[in-house]
Amino acid sequence: MPSAVLGRASGSATHAKLPGDWSPAAYRTVASELCEGLDLGPSAPEVIDALVHVHYSVYDAAERLKRRQGRRLHMGPRSFLDLIHHCEWA
């Protein structure tokens, strides 16, 4: 996971800035519930973790872009829901 997230066991962040107001555990819970209807097989937990990882990776990249070029990209819970919706139709 990017620097924004610790392992699954702790469920806490290494720094205060997180994408939106949700904790990593909340992102996993929402993804699990929204992906229930998809046939992810026995690798479902890994797929869910990958979705959370992608979201936090894009957030970290957006933060770097903001520091380097002053450009802003808002990443929050809505962005995560859009990612899951896109995966459902892929």
C-alpha atoms as a PDB file:
ATOM      1  CA  MET A   1       0.000   0.000   0.000  1.00  0.00           C
ATOM      2  CA  PRO A   2       1.079   3.577  -0.449  1.00  0.00           C
ATOM      3  CA  SER A   3       2.430   5.505   2.506  1.00  0.00           C
ATOM      4  CA  ALA A   4      -1.084   6.644   3.419  1.00  0.00           C
ATOM      5  CA  VAL A   5      -2.149   3.234   4.674  1.00  0.00           C
ATOM      6  CA  LEU A   6      -0.826   0.758   7.215  1.00  0.00           C
ATOM      7  CA  GLY A   7      -1.609  -2.938   7.074  1.00  0.00           C
ATOM      8  CA  ARG A   8      -5.066  -4.426   7.439  1.00  0.00           C
ATOM      9  CA  ALA A   9      -4.616  -5.338  11.095  1.00  0.00           C
ATOM     10  CA  SER A  10      -4.332  -1.801  12.409  1.00  0.00           C
ATOM     11  CA  GLY A  11      -6.856  -0.071  10.146  1.00  0.00           C
ATOM     12  CA  SER A  12      -5.222   3.286  10.939  1.00  0.00           C
ATOM     13  CA  ALA A  13      -3.341   5.784   8.821  1.00  0.00           C
ATOM     14  CA  THR A  14       0.264   6.868   9.046  1.00  0.00           C
ATOM     15  CA  HIS A  15      -0.683  10.493   8.533  1.00  0.00           C
ATOM     16  CA  ALA A  16      -3.788  12.632   8.919  1.00  0.00           C
ATOM     17  CA  LYS A  17      -4.419  13.232   5.206  1.00  0.00           C
ATOM     18  CA  LEU A  18      -6.633  10.545   3.770  1.00  0.00           C
ATOM     19  CA  PRO A  19      -8.749  10.590   0.634  1.00  0.00           C
ATOM     20  CA  GLY A  20     -12.055  11.800   1.992  1.00  0.00           C
ATOM     21  CA  ASP A  21     -13.335  11.133   5.446  1.00  0.00           C
ATOM     22  CA  TRP A  22     -13.279   7.341   5.275  1.00  0.00           C
ATOM     23  CA  SER A  23     -10.771   5.059   6.922  1.00  0.00           C
ATOM     24  CA  PRO A  24      -9.115   2.265   4.919  1.00  0.00           C
ATOM     25  CA  ALA A  25     -11.385  -0.223   6.721  1.00  0.00           C
ATOM     26  CA  ALA A  26     -14.439   1.755   5.601  1.00  0.00           C
ATOM     27  CA  TYR A  27     -13.238   1.668   1.982  1.00  0.00           C
ATOM     28  CA  ARG A  28     -12.797  -2.120   2.249  1.00  0.00           C
ATOM     29  CA  THR A  29     -16.276  -2.547   3.778  1.00  0.00           C
ATOM     30  CA  VAL A  30     -17.972  -0.468   1.087  1.00  0.00           C
ATOM     31  CA  ALA A  31     -16.096  -2.262  -1.684  1.00  0.00           C
ATOM     32  CA  SER A  32     -17.004  -5.662  -0.208  1.00  0.00           C
ATOM     33  CA  GLU A  33     -20.677  -4.772  -0.045  1.00  0.00           C
ATOM     34  CA  LEU A  34     -20.826  -3.261  -3.526  1.00  0.00           C
ATOM     35  CA  CYS A  35     -18.946  -6.167  -5.100  1.00  0.00           C
ATOM     36  CA  GLU A  36     -21.075  -8.907  -3.482  1.00  0.00           C
ATOM     37  CA  GLY A  37     -22.961  -9.483  -6.732  1.00  0.00           C
ATOM     38  CA  LEU A  38     -19.770  -9.931  -8.751  1.00  0.00           C
ATOM     39  CA  ASP A  39     -18.195 -13.339  -9.171  1.00  0.00           C
ATOM     40  CA  LEU A  40     -14.738 -12.620  -7.754  1.00  0.00           C
ATOM     41  CA  GLY A  41     -14.174 -16.188  -6.633  1.00  0.00           C
ATOM     42  CA  PRO A  42     -11.864 -17.080  -3.764  1.00  0.00           C
ATOM     43  CA  SER A  43      -9.636 -14.078  -4.507  1.00  0.00           C
ATOM     44  CA  ALA A  44     -12.337 -11.562  -3.518  1.00  0.00           C
ATOM     45  CA  PRO A  45     -10.393 -10.184  -0.500  1.00  0.00           C
ATOM     46  CA  GLU A  46      -7.345  -9.573  -2.695  1.00  0.00           C
ATOM     47  CA  VAL A  47      -9.483  -7.836  -5.334  1.00  0.00           C
ATOM     48  CA  ILE A  48     -11.018  -5.603  -2.652  1.00  0.00           C
ATOM     49  CA  ASP A  49      -7.558  -4.766  -1.290  1.00  0.00           C
ATOM     50  CA  ALA A  50      -6.400  -3.987  -4.838  1.00  0.00           C
ATOM     51  CA  LEU A  51      -9.275  -1.526  -5.318  1.00  0.00           C
ATOM     52  CA  VAL A  52      -8.368   0.251  -2.073  1.00  0.00           C
ATOM     53  CA  HIS A  53      -4.693   0.216  -3.056  1.00  0.00           C
ATOM     54  CA  VAL A  54      -5.431   1.783  -6.460  1.00  0.00           C
ATOM     55  CA  HIS A  55      -7.538   4.498  -4.827  1.00  0.00           C
ATOM     56  CA  TYR A  56      -4.834   5.387  -2.302  1.00  0.00           C
ATOM     57  CA  SER A  57      -2.121   5.240  -4.994  1.00  0.00           C
ATOM     58  CA  VAL A  58      -3.988   7.758  -7.136  1.00  0.00           C
ATOM     59  CA  TYR A  59      -4.514   9.918  -4.049  1.00  0.00           C
ATOM     60  CA  ASP A  60      -0.763   9.866  -3.306  1.00  0.00           C
ATOM     61  CA  ALA A  61       0.008  10.740  -6.949  1.00  0.00           C
ATOM     62  CA  ALA A  62      -2.479  13.631  -6.795  1.00  0.00           C
ATOM     63  CA  GLU A  63      -0.793  14.937  -3.638  1.00  0.00           C
ATOM     64  CA  ARG A  64       2.619  14.816  -5.365  1.00  0.00           C
ATOM     65  CA  LEU A  65       1.179  16.637  -8.381  1.00  0.00           C
ATOM     66  CA  LYS A  66      -0.232  19.318  -6.090  1.00  0.00           C
ATOM     67  CA  ARG A  67       3.144  19.819  -4.380  1.00  0.00           C
ATOM     68  CA  ARG A  68       5.164  19.844  -7.609  1.00  0.00           C
ATOM     69  CA  GLN A  69       2.899  21.723 -10.005  1.00  0.00           C
ATOM     70  CA  GLY A  70       0.178  23.287  -7.881  1.00  0.00           C
ATOM     71  CA  ARG A  71      -2.477  21.258  -9.688  1.00  0.00           C
ATOM     72  CA  ARG A  72      -5.323  19.826  -7.673  1.00  0.00           C
ATOM     73  CA  LEU A  73      -7.230  16.606  -8.156  1.00  0.00           C
ATOM     74  CA  HIS A  74      -9.914  15.901  -5.599  1.00  0.00           C
ATOM     75  CA  MET A  75      -9.946  12.294  -4.418  1.00  0.00           C
ATOM     76  CA  GLY A  76     -12.586  11.167  -1.988  1.00  0.00           C
ATOM     77  CA  PRO A  77     -15.256   8.582  -1.335  1.00  0.00           C
ATOM     78  CA  ARG A  78     -17.154   9.542  -4.495  1.00  0.00           C
ATOM     79  CA  SER A  79     -14.045   8.811  -6.581  1.00  0.00           C
ATOM     80  CA  PHE A  80     -13.814   5.384  -4.966  1.00  0.00           C
ATOM     81  CA  LEU A  81     -17.473   4.649  -5.705  1.00  0.00           C
ATOM     82  CA  ASP A  82     -16.895   5.670  -9.324  1.00  0.00           C
ATOM     83  CA  LEU A  83     -13.917   3.277  -9.501  1.00  0.00           C
ATOM     84  CA  ILE A  84     -16.044   0.382  -8.250  1.00  0.00           C
ATOM     85  CA  HIS A  85     -18.884   1.274 -10.623  1.00  0.00           C
ATOM     86  CA  HIS A  86     -16.421   1.276 -13.520  1.00  0.00           C
ATOM     87  CA  CYS A  87     -15.129  -2.170 -12.483  1.00  0.00           C
ATOM     88  CA  GLU A  88     -18.679  -3.544 -12.356  1.00  0.00           C
ATOM     89  CA  TRP A  89     -19.229  -2.692 -16.015  1.00  0.00           C
ATOM     90  CA  ALA A  90     -15.802  -3.693 -17.292  1.00  0.00           C
END
